[in-house]
Amino acid sequence: MKQGDLVRFKQPFAPIVTSPQFYSFGVVIDVVSEGLSTEVLVYLRDLDGETIYVDETGAQAIYSFQMDEIECMGDRPSD
């Protein structure tokens, strides 16, 4: 898994607990390993795979997932 890869979340993810909006895909920003733990940092992408989630401040929010919470779909399609 590398930067730019498209990943699918094994469980839909809501960036805001009270939001009805769920995400099933992300784009890898980085893979971070510390000891036996590996986390994958991603930007959330919507169902069409084109729009990256931005938070209420307009920033592209970064989220962290464990390797067993995602599956790699390979290189992301070009924008």
PDB file of N, CA and C in Angstrom:
ATOM      1  N   MET A   1       0.865  -1.163   0.000  1.00  0.00           N
ATOM      2  CA  MET A   1       0.000   0.000   0.000  1.00  0.00           C
ATOM      3  C   MET A   1       0.913   1.228   0.000  1.00  0.00           C
ATOM      4  N   LYS A   2       0.542   2.206  -0.841  1.00  0.00           N
ATOM      5  CA  LYS A   2       1.379   3.403  -0.974  1.00  0.00           C
ATOM      6  C   LYS A   2       0.517   4.652  -1.135  1.00  0.00           C
ATOM      7  N   GLN A   3       1.177   5.797  -1.056  1.00  0.00           N
ATOM      8  CA  GLN A   3       0.488   7.070  -1.217  1.00  0.00           C
ATOM      9  C   GLN A   3      -0.248   7.097  -2.551  1.00  0.00           C
ATOM     10  N   GLY A   4      -1.501   7.553  -2.520  1.00  0.00           N
ATOM     11  CA  GLY A   4      -2.311   7.652  -3.731  1.00  0.00           C
ATOM     12  C   GLY A   4      -3.200   6.448  -3.988  1.00  0.00           C
ATOM     13  N   ASP A   5      -2.956   5.318  -3.289  1.00  0.00           N
ATOM     14  CA  ASP A   5      -3.801   4.134  -3.478  1.00  0.00           C
ATOM     15  C   ASP A   5      -5.217   4.411  -2.966  1.00  0.00           C
ATOM     16  N   LEU A   6      -6.182   3.823  -3.636  1.00  0.00           N
ATOM     17  CA  LEU A   6      -7.571   3.871  -3.214  1.00  0.00           C
ATOM     18  C   LEU A   6      -7.817   2.704  -2.261  1.00  0.00           C
ATOM     19  N   VAL A   7      -8.476   2.968  -1.134  1.00  0.00           N
ATOM     20  CA  VAL A   7      -8.811   1.913  -0.175  1.00  0.00           C
ATOM     21  C   VAL A   7     -10.311   1.905   0.075  1.00  0.00           C
ATOM     22  N   ARG A   8     -10.810   0.734   0.426  1.00  0.00           N
ATOM     23  CA  ARG A   8     -12.215   0.589   0.806  1.00  0.00           C
ATOM     24  C   ARG A   8     -12.253   0.248   2.291  1.00  0.00           C
ATOM     25  N   PHE A   9     -13.137   0.922   3.033  1.00  0.00           N
ATOM     26  CA  PHE A   9     -13.289   0.639   4.451  1.00  0.00           C
ATOM     27  C   PHE A   9     -14.175  -0.587   4.615  1.00  0.00           C
ATOM     28  N   LYS A  10     -13.807  -1.459   5.528  1.00  0.00           N
ATOM     29  CA  LYS A  10     -14.604  -2.666   5.753  1.00  0.00           C
ATOM     30  C   LYS A  10     -15.939  -2.337   6.404  1.00  0.00           C
ATOM     31  N   GLN A  11     -16.002  -1.218   7.139  1.00  0.00           N
ATOM     32  CA  GLN A  11     -17.245  -0.715   7.722  1.00  0.00           C
ATOM     33  C   GLN A  11     -17.397   0.737   7.277  1.00  0.00           C
ATOM     34  N   PRO A  12     -18.588   1.163   6.868  1.00  0.00           N
ATOM     35  CA  PRO A  12     -18.780   2.571   6.504  1.00  0.00           C
ATOM     36  C   PRO A  12     -18.362   3.483   7.662  1.00  0.00           C
ATOM     37  N   PHE A  13     -17.808   4.633   7.325  1.00  0.00           N
ATOM     38  CA  PHE A  13     -17.263   5.553   8.319  1.00  0.00           C
ATOM     39  C   PHE A  13     -17.946   6.909   8.218  1.00  0.00           C
ATOM     40  N   ALA A  14     -18.372   7.433   9.368  1.00  0.00           N
ATOM     41  CA  ALA A  14     -18.975   8.772   9.435  1.00  0.00           C
ATOM     42  C   ALA A  14     -17.992   9.704  10.134  1.00  0.00           C
ATOM     43  N   PRO A  15     -17.522  10.751   9.457  1.00  0.00           N
ATOM     44  CA  PRO A  15     -16.561  11.654  10.078  1.00  0.00           C
ATOM     45  C   PRO A  15     -17.152  12.447  11.244  1.00  0.00           C
ATOM     46  N   ILE A  16     -18.452  12.642  11.224  1.00  0.00           N
ATOM     47  CA  ILE A  16     -19.154  13.317  12.317  1.00  0.00           C
ATOM     48  C   ILE A  16     -20.227  12.350  12.806  1.00  0.00           C
ATOM     49  N   VAL A  17     -20.181  12.038  14.082  1.00  0.00           N
ATOM     50  CA  VAL A  17     -21.061  11.009  14.645  1.00  0.00           C
ATOM     51  C   VAL A  17     -22.528  11.270  14.328  1.00  0.00           C
ATOM     52  N   THR A  18     -22.964  12.513  14.348  1.00  0.00           N
ATOM     53  CA  THR A  18     -24.377  12.831  14.129  1.00  0.00           C
ATOM     54  C   THR A  18     -24.740  12.995  12.657  1.00  0.00           C
ATOM     55  N   SER A  19     -23.767  12.812  11.773  1.00  0.00           N
ATOM     56  CA  SER A  19     -24.010  13.015  10.343  1.00  0.00           C
ATOM     57  C   SER A  19     -24.606  11.770   9.691  1.00  0.00           C
ATOM     58  N   PRO A  20     -25.540  11.961   8.772  1.00  0.00           N
ATOM     59  CA  PRO A  20     -26.070  10.826   8.019  1.00  0.00           C
ATOM     60  C   PRO A  20     -25.132  10.428   6.868  1.00  0.00           C
ATOM     61  N   GLN A  21     -24.105  11.231   6.618  1.00  0.00           N
ATOM     62  CA  GLN A  21     -23.153  10.979   5.525  1.00  0.00           C
ATOM     63  C   GLN A  21     -22.104   9.948   5.958  1.00  0.00           C
ATOM     64  N   PHE A  22     -22.027   8.850   5.210  1.00  0.00           N
ATOM     65  CA  PHE A  22     -21.035   7.813   5.473  1.00  0.00           C
ATOM     66  C   PHE A  22     -20.101   7.706   4.285  1.00  0.00           C
ATOM     67  N   TYR A  23     -18.871   7.291   4.556  1.00  0.00           N
ATOM     68  CA  TYR A  23     -17.861   7.107   3.507  1.00  0.00           C
ATOM     69  C   TYR A  23     -17.393   5.663   3.510  1.00  0.00           C
ATOM     70  N   SER A  24     -17.158   5.132   2.329  1.00  0.00           N
ATOM     71  CA  SER A  24     -16.678   3.759   2.188  1.00  0.00           C
ATOM     72  C   SER A  24     -15.303   3.687   1.543  1.00  0.00           C
ATOM     73  N   PHE A  25     -14.796   4.832   1.069  1.00  0.00           N
ATOM     74  CA  PHE A  25     -13.515   4.854   0.367  1.00  0.00           C
ATOM     75  C   PHE A  25     -12.615   5.959   0.882  1.00  0.00           C
ATOM     76  N   GLY A  26     -11.325   5.781   0.683  1.00  0.00           N
ATOM     77  CA  GLY A  26     -10.351   6.800   1.028  1.00  0.00           C
ATOM     78  C   GLY A  26      -9.163   6.726   0.087  1.00  0.00           C
ATOM     79  N   VAL A  27      -8.348   7.761   0.111  1.00  0.00           N
ATOM     80  CA  VAL A  27      -7.104   7.806  -0.660  1.00  0.00           C
ATOM     81  C   VAL A  27      -5.957   7.871   0.343  1.00  0.00           C
ATOM     82  N   VAL A  28      -4.995   6.978   0.204  1.00  0.00           N
ATOM     83  CA  VAL A  28      -3.872   6.894   1.128  1.00  0.00           C
ATOM     84  C   VAL A  28      -2.984   8.128   1.020  1.00  0.00           C
ATOM     85  N   ILE A  29      -2.708   8.720   2.175  1.00  0.00           N
ATOM     86  CA  ILE A  29      -1.774   9.837   2.270  1.00  0.00           C
ATOM     87  C   ILE A  29      -0.415   9.318   2.711  1.00  0.00           C
ATOM     88  N   ASP A  30      -0.445   8.396   3.707  1.00  0.00           N
ATOM     89  CA  ASP A  30       0.796   7.858   4.249  1.00  0.00           C
ATOM     90  C   ASP A  30       0.483   6.580   5.008  1.00  0.00           C
ATOM     91  N   VAL A  31       1.507   5.745   5.174  1.00  0.00           N
ATOM     92  CA  VAL A  31       1.409   4.540   5.992  1.00  0.00           C
ATOM     93  C   VAL A  31       2.452   4.704   7.091  1.00  0.00           C
ATOM     94  N   VAL A  32       1.991   4.626   8.344  1.00  0.00           N
ATOM     95  CA  VAL A  32       2.867   4.880   9.488  1.00  0.00           C
ATOM     96  C   VAL A  32       2.952   3.623  10.341  1.00  0.00           C
ATOM     97  N   SER A  33       4.180   3.159  10.571  1.00  0.00           N
ATOM     98  CA  SER A  33       4.396   1.978  11.412  1.00  0.00           C
ATOM     99  C   SER A  33       5.154   2.372  12.665  1.00  0.00           C
ATOM    100  N   GLU A  34       4.688   1.835  13.792  1.00  0.00           N
ATOM    101  CA  GLU A  34       5.388   2.032  15.056  1.00  0.00           C
ATOM    102  C   GLU A  34       5.302   0.724  15.820  1.00  0.00           C
ATOM    103  N   GLY A  35       6.427   0.077  15.980  1.00  0.00           N
ATOM    104  CA  GLY A  35       6.433  -1.233  16.615  1.00  0.00           C
ATOM    105  C   GLY A  35       5.650  -2.218  15.764  1.00  0.00           C
ATOM    106  N   LEU A  36       4.687  -2.881  16.366  1.00  0.00           N
ATOM    107  CA  LEU A  36       3.872  -3.853  15.644  1.00  0.00           C
ATOM    108  C   LEU A  36       2.615  -3.240  15.041  1.00  0.00           C
ATOM    109  N   SER A  37       2.372  -1.969  15.324  1.00  0.00           N
ATOM    110  CA  SER A  37       1.163  -1.297  14.858  1.00  0.00           C
ATOM    111  C   SER A  37       1.418  -0.530  13.555  1.00  0.00           C
ATOM    112  N   THR A  38       0.518  -0.680  12.606  1.00  0.00           N
ATOM    113  CA  THR A  38       0.586   0.069  11.350  1.00  0.00           C
ATOM    114  C   THR A  38      -0.726   0.789  11.139  1.00  0.00           C
ATOM    115  N   GLU A  39      -0.646   2.090  10.895  1.00  0.00           N
ATOM    116  CA  GLU A  39      -1.831   2.891  10.628  1.00  0.00           C
ATOM    117  C   GLU A  39      -1.734   3.475   9.228  1.00  0.00           C
ATOM    118  N   VAL A  40      -2.889   3.607   8.597  1.00  0.00           N
ATOM    119  CA  VAL A  40      -2.962   4.179   7.263  1.00  0.00           C
ATOM    120  C   VAL A  40      -3.705   5.501   7.373  1.00  0.00           C
ATOM    121  N   LEU A  41      -3.068   6.587   6.936  1.00  0.00           N
ATOM    122  CA  LEU A  41      -3.679   7.912   6.954  1.00  0.00           C
ATOM    123  C   LEU A  41      -4.332   8.156   5.611  1.00  0.00           C
ATOM    124  N   VAL A  42      -5.601   8.574   5.634  1.00  0.00           N
ATOM    125  CA  VAL A  42      -6.357   8.732   4.388  1.00  0.00           C
ATOM    126  C   VAL A  42      -7.173  10.014   4.367  1.00  0.00           C
ATOM    127  N   TYR A  43      -7.462  10.468   3.151  1.00  0.00           N
ATOM    128  CA  TYR A  43      -8.518  11.435   2.901  1.00  0.00           C
ATOM    129  C   TYR A  43      -9.757  10.618   2.570  1.00  0.00           C
ATOM    130  N   LEU A  44     -10.921  11.029   3.044  1.00  0.00           N
ATOM    131  CA  LEU A  44     -12.168  10.334   2.723  1.00  0.00           C
ATOM    132  C   LEU A  44     -12.642  10.734   1.339  1.00  0.00           C
ATOM    133  N   ARG A  45     -13.175   9.758   0.602  1.00  0.00           N
ATOM    134  CA  ARG A  45     -13.749  10.032  -0.717  1.00  0.00           C
ATOM    135  C   ARG A  45     -15.190   9.569  -0.721  1.00  0.00           C
ATOM    136  N   ASP A  46     -16.033  10.283  -1.475  1.00  0.00           N
ATOM    137  CA  ASP A  46     -17.442   9.899  -1.515  1.00  0.00           C
ATOM    138  C   ASP A  46     -17.652   8.712  -2.447  1.00  0.00           C
ATOM    139  N   LEU A  47     -18.900   8.293  -2.549  1.00  0.00           N
ATOM    140  CA  LEU A  47     -19.245   7.092  -3.297  1.00  0.00           C
ATOM    141  C   LEU A  47     -18.836   7.160  -4.757  1.00  0.00           C
ATOM    142  N   ASP A  48     -18.899   8.359  -5.365  1.00  0.00           N
ATOM    143  CA  ASP A  48     -18.502   8.457  -6.774  1.00  0.00           C
ATOM    144  C   ASP A  48     -16.985   8.389  -6.937  1.00  0.00           C
ATOM    145  N   GLY A  49     -16.255   8.422  -5.794  1.00  0.00           N
ATOM    146  CA  GLY A  49     -14.805   8.287  -5.845  1.00  0.00           C
ATOM    147  C   GLY A  49     -14.084   9.523  -6.318  1.00  0.00           C
ATOM    148  N   GLU A  50     -14.793  10.629  -6.448  1.00  0.00           N
ATOM    149  CA  GLU A  50     -14.174  11.833  -6.983  1.00  0.00           C
ATOM    150  C   GLU A  50     -14.019  12.951  -5.965  1.00  0.00           C
ATOM    151  N   THR A  51     -14.972  13.113  -5.061  1.00  0.00           N
ATOM    152  CA  THR A  51     -14.962  14.242  -4.147  1.00  0.00           C
ATOM    153  C   THR A  51     -14.314  13.854  -2.832  1.00  0.00           C
ATOM    154  N   ILE A  52     -13.313  14.624  -2.401  1.00  0.00           N
ATOM    155  CA  ILE A  52     -12.659  14.390  -1.122  1.00  0.00           C
ATOM    156  C   ILE A  52     -13.395  15.199  -0.057  1.00  0.00           C
ATOM    157  N   TYR A  53     -13.662  14.555   1.078  1.00  0.00           N
ATOM    158  CA  TYR A  53     -14.367  15.198   2.198  1.00  0.00           C
ATOM    159  C   TYR A  53     -13.561  16.374   2.733  1.00  0.00           C
ATOM    160  N   VAL A  54     -14.230  17.479   2.976  1.00  0.00           N
ATOM    161  CA  VAL A  54     -13.634  18.620   3.684  1.00  0.00           C
ATOM    162  C   VAL A  54     -14.457  18.877   4.939  1.00  0.00           C
ATOM    163  N   ASP A  55     -13.768  19.260   6.021  1.00  0.00           N
ATOM    164  CA  ASP A  55     -14.473  19.497   7.277  1.00  0.00           C
ATOM    165  C   ASP A  55     -15.134  20.872   7.282  1.00  0.00           C
ATOM    166  N   GLU A  56     -15.698  21.242   8.426  1.00  0.00           N
ATOM    167  CA  GLU A  56     -16.451  22.491   8.509  1.00  0.00           C
ATOM    168  C   GLU A  56     -15.587  23.738   8.318  1.00  0.00           C
ATOM    169  N   THR A  57     -14.251  23.585   8.441  1.00  0.00           N
ATOM    170  CA  THR A  57     -13.350  24.728   8.216  1.00  0.00           C
ATOM    171  C   THR A  57     -12.876  24.807   6.770  1.00  0.00           C
ATOM    172  N   GLY A  58     -13.254  23.812   5.961  1.00  0.00           N
ATOM    173  CA  GLY A  58     -12.836  23.774   4.564  1.00  0.00           C
ATOM    174  C   GLY A  58     -11.545  23.011   4.332  1.00  0.00           C
ATOM    175  N   ALA A  59     -10.993  22.416   5.390  1.00  0.00           N
ATOM    176  CA  ALA A  59      -9.741  21.651   5.271  1.00  0.00           C
ATOM    177  C   ALA A  59     -10.032  20.207   4.868  1.00  0.00           C
ATOM    178  N   GLN A  60      -9.114  19.610   4.106  1.00  0.00           N
ATOM    179  CA  GLN A  60      -9.215  18.190   3.782  1.00  0.00           C
ATOM    180  C   GLN A  60      -8.795  17.419   5.025  1.00  0.00           C
ATOM    181  N   ALA A  61      -9.766  16.899   5.745  1.00  0.00           N
ATOM    182  CA  ALA A  61      -9.500  16.207   7.006  1.00  0.00           C
ATOM    183  C   ALA A  61      -8.780  14.892   6.753  1.00  0.00           C
ATOM    184  N   ILE A  62      -7.879  14.543   7.666  1.00  0.00           N
ATOM    185  CA  ILE A  62      -7.102  13.307   7.577  1.00  0.00           C
ATOM    186  C   ILE A  62      -7.596  12.363   8.673  1.00  0.00           C
ATOM    187  N   TYR A  63      -7.807  11.108   8.298  1.00  0.00           N
ATOM    188  CA  TYR A  63      -8.271  10.094   9.245  1.00  0.00           C
ATOM    189  C   TYR A  63      -7.313   8.923   9.239  1.00  0.00           C
ATOM    190  N   SER A  64      -7.251   8.232  10.370  1.00  0.00           N
ATOM    191  CA  SER A  64      -6.338   7.115  10.551  1.00  0.00           C
ATOM    192  C   SER A  64      -7.120   5.820  10.710  1.00  0.00           C
ATOM    193  N   PHE A  65      -6.684   4.790  10.001  1.00  0.00           N
ATOM    194  CA  PHE A  65      -7.306   3.470  10.081  1.00  0.00           C
ATOM    195  C   PHE A  65      -6.232   2.414  10.292  1.00  0.00           C
ATOM    196  N   GLN A  66      -6.581   1.362  11.011  1.00  0.00           N
ATOM    197  CA  GLN A  66      -5.695   0.217  11.158  1.00  0.00           C
ATOM    198  C   GLN A  66      -5.745  -0.604   9.866  1.00  0.00           C
ATOM    199  N   MET A  67      -4.695  -1.341   9.599  1.00  0.00           N
ATOM    200  CA  MET A  67      -4.617  -2.134   8.366  1.00  0.00           C
ATOM    201  C   MET A  67      -5.785  -3.115   8.235  1.00  0.00           C
ATOM    202  N   ASP A  68      -6.254  -3.675   9.355  1.00  0.00           N
ATOM    203  CA  ASP A  68      -7.334  -4.663   9.275  1.00  0.00           C
ATOM    204  C   ASP A  68      -8.717  -4.031   9.088  1.00  0.00           C
ATOM    205  N   GLU A  69      -8.786  -2.695   9.046  1.00  0.00           N
ATOM    206  CA  GLU A  69     -10.058  -1.998   8.853  1.00  0.00           C
ATOM    207  C   GLU A  69     -10.299  -1.600   7.400  1.00  0.00           C
ATOM    208  N   ILE A  70      -9.296  -1.827   6.549  1.00  0.00           N
ATOM    209  CA  ILE A  70      -9.382  -1.388   5.158  1.00  0.00           C
ATOM    210  C   ILE A  70      -8.874  -2.459   4.213  1.00  0.00           C
ATOM    211  N   GLU A  71      -9.230  -2.309   2.937  1.00  0.00           N
ATOM    212  CA  GLU A  71      -8.636  -3.149   1.906  1.00  0.00           C
ATOM    213  C   GLU A  71      -8.181  -2.257   0.757  1.00  0.00           C
ATOM    214  N   CYS A  72      -7.033  -2.584   0.227  1.00  0.00           N
ATOM    215  CA  CYS A  72      -6.443  -1.761  -0.842  1.00  0.00           C
ATOM    216  C   CYS A  72      -7.101  -2.108  -2.177  1.00  0.00           C
ATOM    217  N   MET A  73      -7.502  -1.058  -2.906  1.00  0.00           N
ATOM    218  CA  MET A  73      -8.110  -1.237  -4.224  1.00  0.00           C
ATOM    219  C   MET A  73      -7.088  -0.955  -5.333  1.00  0.00           C
ATOM    220  N   GLY A  74      -5.885  -0.528  -4.954  1.00  0.00           N
ATOM    221  CA  GLY A  74      -4.840  -0.231  -5.934  1.00  0.00           C
ATOM    222  C   GLY A  74      -4.763   1.245  -6.237  1.00  0.00           C
ATOM    223  N   ASP A  75      -4.091   1.553  -7.349  1.00  0.00           N
ATOM    224  CA  ASP A  75      -3.917   2.946  -7.756  1.00  0.00           C
ATOM    225  C   ASP A  75      -5.264   3.599  -7.958  1.00  0.00           C
ATOM    226  N   ARG A  76      -5.338   4.844  -7.512  1.00  0.00           N
ATOM    227  CA  ARG A  76      -6.594   5.574  -7.672  1.00  0.00           C
ATOM    228  C   ARG A  76      -6.706   6.048  -9.123  1.00  0.00           C
ATOM    229  N   PRO A  77      -7.910   6.072  -9.632  1.00  0.00           N
ATOM    230  CA  PRO A  77      -8.107   6.576 -10.999  1.00  0.00           C
ATOM    231  C   PRO A  77      -7.655   8.023 -11.095  1.00  0.00           C
ATOM    232  N   SER A  78      -7.120   8.433 -12.224  1.00  0.00           N
ATOM    233  CA  SER A  78      -6.687   9.820 -12.366  1.00  0.00           C
ATOM    234  C   SER A  78      -7.868  10.756 -12.332  1.00  0.00           C
ATOM    235  N   ASP A  79      -7.628  11.931 -11.734  1.00  0.00           N
ATOM    236  CA  ASP A  79      -8.687  12.939 -11.582  1.00  0.00           C
ATOM    237  C   ASP A  79      -8.845  13.740 -12.841  1.00  0.00           C
TER     238      ASP A  79
END
